[in-house]
Protein backbone atom coordinates (compact mmCIF):
# COMPACT_ATOMS: atom_id res chain seq x y z
CA MET A 1 0.00 0.00 0.00
CA ALA A 2 2.30 2.66 -1.23
CA CYS A 3 1.60 6.13 0.12
CA VAL A 4 1.90 9.55 -1.51
CA HIS A 5 2.70 12.70 0.36
CA PRO A 6 -0.26 15.13 0.42
CA ASN A 7 1.85 17.99 -0.89
CA ARG A 8 3.22 16.05 -3.79
CA SER A 9 2.05 17.53 -7.10
CA PHE A 10 1.41 15.61 -10.30
CA PRO A 11 1.85 16.87 -13.83
CA ALA A 12 -1.45 17.37 -15.60
CA ALA A 13 -1.05 14.35 -17.82
CA ALA A 14 2.56 14.46 -18.78
CA PRO A 15 3.72 11.01 -19.74
CA ARG A 16 7.13 10.04 -18.58
CA THR A 17 9.77 9.10 -21.06
CA GLU A 18 11.24 5.66 -20.90
CA GLU A 19 14.62 7.05 -19.86
CA GLY A 20 13.20 9.05 -16.97
CA SER A 21 10.70 6.55 -15.62
CA PRO A 22 11.96 4.74 -12.52
CA GLY A 23 8.98 2.40 -12.71
CA ARG A 24 9.79 1.28 -16.21
CA ALA A 25 13.46 0.98 -15.32
CA ALA A 26 12.57 -1.29 -12.42
CA PHE A 27 10.17 -3.18 -14.68
CA ALA A 28 12.99 -3.81 -17.15
CA ALA A 29 15.40 -4.70 -14.34
CA ILE A 30 13.16 -7.39 -12.91
CA PHE A 31 12.71 -9.06 -16.28
CA ALA A 32 16.45 -8.91 -16.92
CA ALA A 33 17.22 -10.39 -13.50
CA VAL A 34 14.73 -13.23 -13.87
CA ALA A 35 15.87 -13.96 -17.40
CA ALA A 36 19.49 -14.11 -16.22
CA ARG A 37 18.62 -16.29 -13.23
CA TYR A 38 16.07 -18.68 -14.72
CA GLY A 39 15.92 -18.22 -18.44
CA GLY A 40 19.53 -18.01 -19.58
CA THR A 41 20.32 -15.91 -22.63
CA HIS A 42 17.64 -17.31 -24.88
CA GLY A 43 14.88 -15.11 -26.20
CA ALA A 44 11.57 -14.80 -24.47
CA THR A 45 9.75 -16.33 -27.40
CA ARG A 46 10.93 -19.83 -26.56
CA PRO A 47 11.00 -21.08 -22.95
CA THR A 48 14.22 -22.88 -22.09
CA SER A 49 14.67 -26.20 -20.35
CA ARG A 50 15.49 -24.33 -17.16
CA ILE A 51 12.03 -22.81 -17.11
CA HIS A 52 10.48 -26.21 -17.78
CA THR A 53 12.44 -27.53 -14.82
CA LEU A 54 10.97 -24.76 -12.67
CA MET A 55 7.48 -25.88 -13.56
CA ARG A 56 7.85 -29.55 -12.77
CA THR A 57 5.02 -29.46 -10.24
CA PRO A 58 2.21 -27.37 -11.74
CA GLY A 59 -0.85 -26.54 -9.71
CA PRO A 60 -4.34 -27.66 -10.73
CA PRO A 61 -6.27 -25.71 -13.38
CA LEU A 62 -9.10 -23.52 -12.18
CA ASP A 63 -12.50 -24.76 -13.29
CA ALA A 64 -16.01 -25.07 -11.96
CA ASN A 65 -15.18 -28.34 -10.18
CA ASP A 66 -12.09 -27.02 -8.43
CA ASN A 67 -12.69 -26.69 -4.70
CA LEU A 68 -10.32 -23.70 -4.66
CA LEU A 69 -12.49 -21.71 -7.08
CA GLY A 70 -14.24 -19.84 -4.28
CA TRP A 71 -10.91 -18.97 -2.70
CA HIS A 72 -9.53 -17.59 -5.96
CA LEU A 73 -12.60 -15.44 -6.51
CA ALA A 74 -12.63 -14.21 -2.91
CA SER A 75 -8.97 -13.20 -3.17
CA LEU A 76 -9.94 -10.65 -5.82
CA LEU A 77 -11.45 -8.52 -3.03
CA TYR A 78 -7.89 -7.66 -2.11
CA LEU A 79 -7.74 -5.54 -5.26
CA SER A 80 -9.46 -2.81 -3.25
CA PHE A 81 -6.05 -2.02 -1.73
CA VAL A 82 -4.93 -0.78 -5.14
CA PHE A 83 -7.20 2.26 -4.68
CA ILE A 84 -6.59 3.01 -0.99
CA PRO A 85 -3.50 5.22 -1.53
CA VAL A 86 -5.34 7.09 -4.30
CA PHE A 87 -8.27 7.97 -2.05
CA ASN A 88 -6.17 8.67 1.04
CA PHE A 89 -4.29 11.53 -0.64
CA PRO A 90 -5.33 14.07 -3.29
CA ALA A 91 -4.45 12.82 -6.76
CA PRO A 92 -5.31 13.85 -10.33
CA TRP A 93 -8.04 12.00 -12.15
CA TRP A 94 -5.58 10.24 -14.40
CA ILE A 95 -3.98 8.51 -11.41
CA LEU A 96 -7.36 6.98 -10.55
CA ALA A 97 -7.80 6.07 -14.22
CA MET A 98 -4.39 4.36 -14.16
CA ALA A 99 -5.40 2.37 -11.09
CA VAL A 100 -8.59 1.21 -12.81
CA ALA A 101 -6.65 0.35 -15.96
CA SER A 102 -4.13 -1.68 -13.96
CA VAL A 103 -6.95 -3.75 -12.47
CA LEU A 104 -8.43 -4.33 -15.92
CA VAL A 105 -5.02 -5.54 -17.12
CA PHE A 106 -4.54 -7.72 -14.05
CA LEU A 107 -7.82 -9.65 -14.20
CA PRO A 108 -7.21 -11.51 -17.50
CA LEU A 109 -3.64 -12.27 -16.42
CA TYR A 110 -4.83 -13.69 -13.11
CA TRP A 111 -7.59 -15.73 -14.73
CA ALA A 112 -5.28 -17.04 -17.47
CA PHE A 113 -2.79 -18.18 -14.81
CA TYR A 114 -5.25 -20.68 -13.34
CA ARG A 115 -6.85 -21.59 -16.64
CA GLY A 116 -3.81 -21.89 -18.87
CA GLY A 117 -1.07 -24.49 -19.15
CA ALA A 118 2.01 -24.69 -16.99
CA THR A 119 4.35 -23.27 -19.64
CA LEU A 120 2.67 -19.85 -19.42
CA ARG A 121 2.51 -19.51 -15.66
CA LEU A 122 5.98 -18.11 -15.02
CA TRP A 123 5.51 -15.41 -17.63
CA LEU A 124 2.10 -14.51 -16.28
CA VAL A 125 3.59 -14.18 -12.78
CA LEU A 126 6.26 -11.84 -14.12
CA ALA A 127 3.62 -9.84 -15.97
CA VAL A 128 1.63 -9.36 -12.76
CA ALA A 129 4.78 -8.39 -10.86
CA GLY A 130 5.73 -6.03 -13.66
CA LEU A 131 2.31 -4.40 -13.39
CA GLY A 132 3.09 -3.70 -9.76
CA PHE A 133 6.50 -2.21 -10.57
CA VAL A 134 4.94 0.10 -13.17
CA THR A 135 2.27 1.44 -10.81
CA VAL A 136 4.39 1.93 -7.66
CA PRO A 137 6.01 5.27 -8.69
CA PHE A 138 2.60 6.84 -9.30
CA GLY A 139 1.39 6.33 -5.74
CA ILE A 140 -0.93 3.46 -6.63
CA GLY A 141 -1.04 0.36 -4.44
CA GLY A 142 1.25 -1.59 -6.75
CA GLY A 143 2.43 -3.77 -3.89
CA THR A 144 -0.94 -5.50 -4.10
CA TYR A 145 0.12 -7.06 -7.38
CA LEU A 146 3.37 -8.27 -5.80
CA ILE A 147 1.30 -10.02 -3.13
CA PHE A 148 -0.81 -11.68 -5.81
CA SER A 149 2.35 -12.78 -7.61
CA ALA A 150 3.63 -14.35 -4.36
CA GLY A 151 0.49 -16.46 -4.10
CA MET A 152 0.69 -17.42 -7.75
CA ILE A 153 4.34 -18.45 -7.40
CA ALA A 154 3.59 -20.61 -4.37
CA SER A 155 0.85 -22.45 -6.27
CA PHE A 156 3.09 -24.08 -8.87
CA LEU A 157 6.86 -23.67 -8.29
CA PRO A 158 8.95 -25.94 -6.05
CA LEU A 159 9.44 -24.52 -2.57
CA TRP A 160 12.99 -23.16 -2.69
CA ARG A 161 12.80 -21.83 -6.22
CA GLY A 162 9.47 -20.20 -5.54
CA LEU A 163 10.80 -18.70 -2.33
CA SER A 164 13.92 -17.31 -3.99
CA LEU A 165 11.89 -15.74 -6.79
CA THR A 166 9.42 -14.21 -4.33
CA VAL A 167 12.23 -12.76 -2.20
CA ALA A 168 13.88 -11.29 -5.30
CA LEU A 169 10.64 -9.65 -6.44
CA PHE A 170 9.95 -8.10 -3.03
CA ALA A 171 13.56 -6.91 -2.72
CA LEU A 172 13.22 -5.06 -6.02
CA PHE A 173 9.83 -3.75 -4.89
CA ALA A 174 11.37 -2.40 -1.67
CA ALA A 175 14.23 -0.75 -3.54
CA GLU A 176 11.88 0.87 -6.05
CA SER A 177 9.46 2.11 -3.37
CA ILE A 178 12.20 3.72 -1.27
CA ALA A 179 13.81 5.28 -4.34
CA THR A 180 10.68 6.68 -5.97
CA LEU A 181 8.32 7.56 -3.10
CA PRO A 182 8.99 10.50 -0.72
CA ALA A 183 10.14 9.77 2.81
CA GLN A 184 7.08 11.53 4.23
CA GLY A 185 4.91 8.84 2.66
CA ALA A 186 6.55 6.21 4.93
CA PRO A 187 7.57 3.86 2.10
CA VAL A 188 9.66 1.68 4.44
CA PHE A 189 6.68 0.99 6.70
CA SER A 190 4.48 0.30 3.68
CA VAL A 191 7.04 -2.12 2.22
CA LEU A 192 7.33 -3.98 5.54
CA ILE A 193 3.58 -4.37 5.85
CA GLN A 194 3.14 -5.62 2.31
CA SER A 195 6.13 -7.95 2.59
CA LEU A 196 4.57 -9.46 5.71
CA VAL A 197 1.24 -9.93 3.93
CA GLY A 198 3.06 -11.45 0.96
CA ALA A 199 4.84 -13.92 3.25
CA ILE A 200 1.52 -14.91 4.83
CA VAL A 201 -0.08 -15.41 1.43
CA PHE A 202 2.91 -17.43 0.17
CA THR A 203 2.80 -19.69 3.24
CA GLY A 204 -0.97 -20.12 3.08
CA VAL A 205 -0.94 -21.14 -0.57
CA LEU A 206 1.87 -23.62 0.13
CA ALA A 207 -0.17 -25.14 2.96
CA ALA A 208 -3.25 -25.43 0.72
CA ARG A 209 -1.16 -26.99 -2.03
CA SER A 210 0.31 -29.52 0.40
CA ARG A 211 -3.15 -30.38 1.70
CA GLU A 212 -4.44 -30.93 -1.83
CA ARG A 213 -1.51 -33.23 -2.56
CA ARG A 214 -2.17 -35.26 0.60
CA ASN A 215 -5.85 -35.55 -0.29
CA ALA A 216 -4.95 -36.73 -3.79
CA GLU A 217 -2.57 -39.34 -2.36
CA LEU A 218 -5.27 -40.46 0.06
CA ARG A 219 -7.76 -40.87 -2.76
CA LEU A 220 -5.23 -42.91 -4.74
CA THR A 221 -4.57 -45.08 -1.69
CA GLN A 222 -8.26 -45.71 -1.20
CA GLU A 223 -8.69 -46.65 -4.85
CA GLU A 224 -5.73 -49.04 -4.62
CA VAL A 225 -7.13 -50.65 -1.47
CA ARG A 226 -10.50 -51.14 -3.17
CA ARG A 227 -8.82 -52.58 -6.25
CA LEU A 228 -6.76 -55.05 -4.23
CA ALA A 229 -9.77 -56.03 -2.15
CA SER A 230 -11.82 -56.61 -5.30
CA LEU A 231 -9.00 -58.66 -6.83
CA ALA A 232 -8.68 -60.80 -3.69
CA GLU A 233 -12.45 -61.31 -3.62
CA ARG A 234 -12.51 -62.43 -7.25
CA GLU A 235 -9.70 -64.89 -6.58
CA ARG A 236 -11.55 -66.26 -3.55
CA ILE A 237 -14.77 -66.65 -5.54
CA GLY A 238 -12.87 -68.44 -8.29
CA ARG A 239 -11.31 -70.88 -5.81
CA ASP A 240 -14.63 -71.52 -4.08
CA LEU A 241 -16.46 -72.20 -7.32
CA HIS A 242 -13.69 -74.49 -8.54
CA ASP A 243 -13.73 -76.46 -5.30
CA LEU A 244 -17.53 -76.64 -5.24
CA LEU A 245 -18.32 -77.37 -8.86
CA GLY A 246 -15.21 -78.97 -10.33
CA HIS A 247 -15.60 -82.39 -8.69
CA THR A 248 -19.41 -82.29 -8.69
CA LEU A 249 -19.76 -81.59 -12.40
CA SER A 250 -17.20 -84.29 -13.19
CA VAL A 251 -19.31 -86.79 -11.24
CA VAL A 252 -22.46 -85.63 -13.04
CA VAL A 253 -20.82 -86.12 -16.44
CA LEU A 254 -19.50 -89.59 -15.62
CA LYS A 255 -22.79 -90.85 -14.18
CA SER A 256 -24.75 -89.38 -17.08
CA GLN A 257 -22.51 -91.21 -19.55
CA LEU A 258 -22.88 -94.43 -17.55
CA ALA A 259 -26.68 -94.09 -17.48
CA ALA A 260 -26.71 -93.56 -21.25
CA ARG A 261 -24.80 -96.82 -21.78
CA LEU A 262 -26.96 -98.79 -19.30
CA ILE A 263 -30.39 -97.59 -20.39
CA GLU A 264 -30.71 -100.21 -23.19
CA HIS A 265 -29.38 -103.20 -21.18
CA ASP A 266 -30.23 -102.51 -17.55
CA LYS A 267 -32.93 -99.88 -17.09
CA ARG A 268 -32.96 -100.36 -13.31
CA ALA A 269 -29.24 -99.58 -13.03
CA ALA A 270 -29.59 -96.62 -15.40
CA GLN A 271 -32.44 -95.23 -13.28
CA ASP A 272 -30.26 -95.57 -10.18
CA GLN A 273 -27.49 -93.58 -11.90
CA ILE A 274 -29.96 -90.87 -12.95
CA SER A 275 -31.21 -90.65 -9.35
CA GLU A 276 -27.61 -90.32 -8.21
CA VAL A 277 -27.09 -87.50 -10.71
CA GLU A 278 -30.13 -85.70 -9.27
CA ARG A 279 -28.83 -86.13 -5.72
CA VAL A 280 -25.37 -84.80 -6.62
CA ALA A 281 -26.91 -81.86 -8.49
CA ARG A 282 -29.09 -80.96 -5.48
CA GLU A 283 -26.07 -81.02 -3.19
CA ALA A 284 -24.18 -78.81 -5.62
CA LEU A 285 -27.12 -76.38 -5.71
CA THR A 286 -27.14 -76.15 -1.92
CA GLN A 287 -23.40 -75.56 -1.81
CA VAL A 288 -23.63 -72.86 -4.48
CA ARG A 289 -26.38 -71.10 -2.53
CA GLU A 290 -24.22 -71.12 0.59
CA ALA A 291 -21.26 -69.78 -1.37
CA VAL A 292 -23.36 -67.03 -2.97
CA ALA A 293 -24.73 -66.02 0.42
CA GLY A 294 -21.16 -65.68 1.67
CA ILE A 295 -20.15 -63.68 -1.40
CA ARG A 296 -23.03 -61.23 -1.05
CA ALA A 297 -22.62 -60.67 2.66
CA ASN A 298 -19.64 -58.76 4.00
CA GLY A 299 -18.87 -59.28 7.65
CA LEU A 300 -19.22 -56.44 10.14
CA GLN A 301 -15.45 -56.01 10.44
CA ALA A 302 -15.03 -55.79 6.67
CA GLU A 303 -17.84 -53.25 6.46
CA LEU A 304 -16.25 -51.20 9.23
CA ALA A 305 -12.97 -51.11 7.32
CA ALA A 306 -14.75 -49.92 4.19
CA ALA A 307 -16.65 -47.33 6.25
CA ARG A 308 -13.44 -46.00 7.73
CA LEU A 309 -11.97 -45.48 4.27
CA ALA A 310 -15.10 -43.78 2.98
CA LEU A 311 -15.37 -41.46 6.00
CA LEU A 312 -11.68 -40.66 5.90
CA GLY A 313 -12.12 -39.44 2.33
CA GLY A 314 -14.80 -37.05 3.63
CA GLU A 315 -12.54 -35.89 6.50
CA ILE A 316 -14.83 -37.57 9.07
CA SER A 317 -13.32 -39.50 11.98
CA LEU A 318 -14.63 -42.93 12.99
CA ASP A 319 -14.47 -44.33 16.53
CA GLN A 320 -15.43 -47.98 16.95
CA ARG A 321 -15.96 -50.12 20.05
CA LEU A 322 -17.02 -53.68 19.34
CA ASP A 323 -17.46 -56.34 21.99
CA PRO A 324 -16.25 -59.82 20.96
CA ILE A 325 -19.65 -61.33 20.12
CA ASP A 326 -20.28 -64.41 17.99
CA LEU A 327 -23.05 -63.26 15.66
CA PRO A 328 -25.17 -65.51 13.45
CA VAL A 329 -24.47 -65.02 9.75
CA ALA A 330 -27.92 -63.62 8.98
CA VAL A 331 -27.75 -61.10 11.85
CA GLU A 332 -24.20 -60.01 11.03
CA THR A 333 -25.19 -59.51 7.40
CA ALA A 334 -28.18 -57.36 8.37
CA LEU A 335 -26.02 -55.25 10.71
CA ALA A 336 -23.28 -54.87 8.09
CA LEU A 337 -25.76 -53.68 5.46
CA ALA A 338 -27.31 -51.28 7.98
CA LEU A 339 -23.86 -49.89 8.77
CA ARG A 340 -23.18 -49.37 5.07
CA GLU A 341 -26.45 -47.47 4.62
CA SER A 342 -25.75 -45.36 7.71
CA VAL A 343 -22.31 -44.35 6.46
CA THR A 344 -23.81 -43.44 3.08
CA ASN A 345 -26.35 -41.19 4.81
CA VAL A 346 -23.65 -39.53 6.88
CA LEU A 347 -21.57 -38.76 3.81
CA ARG A 348 -24.51 -37.43 1.80
CA HIS A 349 -26.66 -35.60 4.30
CA ALA A 350 -25.36 -35.35 7.86
CA ARG A 351 -22.51 -32.82 7.49
CA ALA A 352 -20.85 -34.57 10.42
CA ARG A 353 -17.25 -34.49 11.58
CA ARG A 354 -17.32 -37.57 13.80
CA VAL A 355 -19.04 -40.97 13.79
CA GLU A 356 -19.16 -43.53 16.61
CA VAL A 357 -19.97 -47.22 16.11
CA GLU A 358 -20.53 -49.40 19.16
CA LEU A 359 -21.56 -53.07 19.38
CA THR A 360 -22.54 -54.28 22.86
CA GLN A 361 -24.36 -57.18 24.50
CA ASP A 362 -26.93 -56.49 27.19
CA ALA A 363 -27.55 -58.43 30.38
CA ARG A 364 -30.37 -60.43 28.78
CA GLY A 365 -28.17 -61.74 25.98
CA GLY A 366 -29.39 -59.43 23.23
CA ILE A 367 -27.08 -57.25 21.15
CA ALA A 368 -27.20 -53.57 20.17
CA LEU A 369 -25.34 -51.81 17.37
CA ARG A 370 -25.38 -48.03 17.85
CA ILE A 371 -24.27 -45.60 15.14
CA VAL A 372 -24.00 -41.98 16.28
CA ASP A 373 -22.90 -38.89 14.33
CA ASP A 374 -22.52 -35.23 15.32
CA GLY A 375 -24.17 -33.88 12.18
CA ARG A 376 -27.19 -31.65 11.71
CA GLY A 377 -29.81 -34.26 12.65
CA GLY A 378 -33.44 -33.51 11.97
CA VAL A 379 -34.39 -36.81 10.29
CA CYS A 380 -38.19 -36.56 10.16
CA VAL A 381 -39.14 -38.79 7.24
CA GLU A 382 -37.63 -42.19 6.55
CA GLY A 383 -36.38 -42.62 3.01
CA HIS A 384 -35.77 -45.83 1.11
CA GLY A 385 -32.46 -46.43 2.90
CA LEU A 386 -33.86 -46.34 6.44
CA THR A 387 -36.94 -48.28 5.36
CA GLY A 388 -34.78 -51.01 3.86
CA MET A 389 -32.64 -51.04 6.99
CA ARG A 390 -35.74 -51.51 9.16
CA GLU A 391 -37.03 -54.35 6.95
CA ARG A 392 -33.70 -56.18 7.00
CA LEU A 393 -33.63 -56.01 10.80
CA ARG A 394 -37.24 -57.18 11.03
CA SER A 395 -36.36 -60.23 8.94
CA VAL A 396 -33.96 -61.39 11.67
CA GLY A 397 -36.21 -60.35 14.57
CA GLY A 398 -34.54 -57.00 15.24
CA VAL A 399 -35.81 -53.45 15.58
CA LEU A 400 -34.49 -50.04 14.58
CA GLU A 401 -34.70 -46.97 16.82
CA ILE A 402 -33.90 -43.46 15.52
CA GLU A 403 -33.14 -40.36 17.55
CA SER A 404 -32.42 -37.29 15.44
CA PRO A 405 -33.12 -33.94 17.15
CA PRO A 406 -32.39 -30.96 14.86
CA GLY A 407 -28.83 -29.71 15.24
CA ALA A 408 -27.80 -32.51 17.61
CA GLY A 409 -26.82 -35.33 15.26
CA THR A 410 -28.44 -38.70 14.64
CA ARG A 411 -28.38 -41.84 16.77
CA LEU A 412 -29.36 -45.19 15.26
CA SER A 413 -29.89 -48.16 17.58
CA LEU A 414 -30.15 -51.59 15.94
CA LEU A 415 -31.44 -54.02 18.57
CA VAL A 416 -31.66 -57.82 18.29
CA SER A 417 -33.04 -59.80 21.24
CA ARG A 418 -31.63 -63.06 22.61
CA GLU A 419 -34.61 -64.99 21.24
CA ALA A 420 -34.01 -63.58 17.75
CA LEU A 421 -30.32 -64.50 17.96
CA SER A 422 -31.20 -68.06 18.95
CA ALA A 423 -33.66 -68.35 16.10
CA ALA A 424 -31.08 -66.99 13.64
CA ARG A 425 -28.52 -69.56 14.77
CA ARG A 426 -30.97 -72.32 13.91
CA LEU A 427 -31.37 -71.00 10.32
CA PRO A 428 -29.54 -72.91 7.54
CA ALA A 429 -26.35 -71.30 6.36
CA SER A 430 -27.89 -70.44 3.01
CA ALA A 431 -30.63 -68.27 4.57
CA ALA A 432 -30.08 -64.60 3.88
CA PRO A 433 -31.70 -61.51 5.36
CA ALA A 434 -34.15 -59.38 3.45
CA GLY A 435 -32.49 -57.32 0.80
CA SER A 436 -30.51 -60.18 -0.71
CA VAL A 437 -31.31 -61.34 -4.21
CA ARG A 438 -33.56 -64.40 -4.12
CA GLN A 439 -33.20 -67.40 -6.41
CA PRO A 440 -36.03 -68.22 -8.83
CA ALA A 441 -38.91 -70.16 -7.23
CA LEU A 442 -38.35 -73.29 -9.29
CA LEU A 443 -34.75 -73.52 -8.22
CA GLU A 444 -35.72 -73.03 -4.58
CA ARG A 445 -37.93 -76.12 -4.82
CA GLY A 446 -35.08 -78.00 -6.42
CA THR A 447 -36.69 -78.49 -9.81
CA ALA A 448 -35.58 -77.14 -13.15
């Protein structure tokens, strides 16, 4: 925020010559220094390999899906500081017009920086810094543009190179301000304040950039975990089906061939072989149903692991406390599916920061799974998810209780009595809770 002494007079509209303009001299000096340091002696029309090296880690482009879009737009409010020195001290109209013109030049440069490719970013940063150097001698808040350039540098250059370039730009800015502005305008104080703001902006953008990188790595890790889990599950399914069907189908083929040879000579023996084929096929059907039930149903521990990954991606913490309880397959499947639906609701609607999952056994032998979040609460109408959760629990003799006062989070209690647990333990292994895909009726009766 460069200041101008109140008694300083301005020529009516006398343009400065290039030889007598300290601002343009500084503008040329900064480009020469950067070209010597980073660009070598090559022309500006062709970026050198050194500049490409500088831009090895470009920041993300700015688009409608970028979660930093709001931040970039809000930062434009800082442009108001360009006009503060103009309004604090009397100045001719053309100084105000120059300030407006500088903003109009800055906006497309700033937008192009986040929209364009990495090869243009260094030159756009220098153009913004150069805009600041040009406006400083006229008493306009040119330091504002240096602060913007610091944030832009931090968004795409490696740390030490970005820091060295930022320090060089602010050193030239300090030298130009002290040389061109009168001492009564307190240029040293102004430079210190703007340098401090520039350092804060540089550090903040670096922190945001680091956070985005960590989030990207976390998303990649989650995708890799899901891929490996899916691969392991496919391998397990393949082994189970081979073990179940390989021997059985071989027996069916052999007995069918034997029955075909015996049917003309010994019909009684052929009928016995056909009956044996039917028995083996029924056993195979039962085994396949059991295997499919196991494939469809994730255990509670597996569902908790998946929930932790999903919540971690939404920056929501998960605390779990599970008593060591031997759950029937049907009950564990119903609880696991209910947990999955609860986590989905938390991610979509709750706006929570913390989720607690607790599995306990009461004194009467029943069990309770409680899922609590600290979100906005206010669940008044049950949707398809909660309705399906209630039906799955009812199929195993359980009940669902919901407490969701507005602004105080949501508490789901999934209760299964001791009698319901005993009944579930007596169910065949192939029985599945409501919500699983049922086999066709003819196959359930064992006929085809």
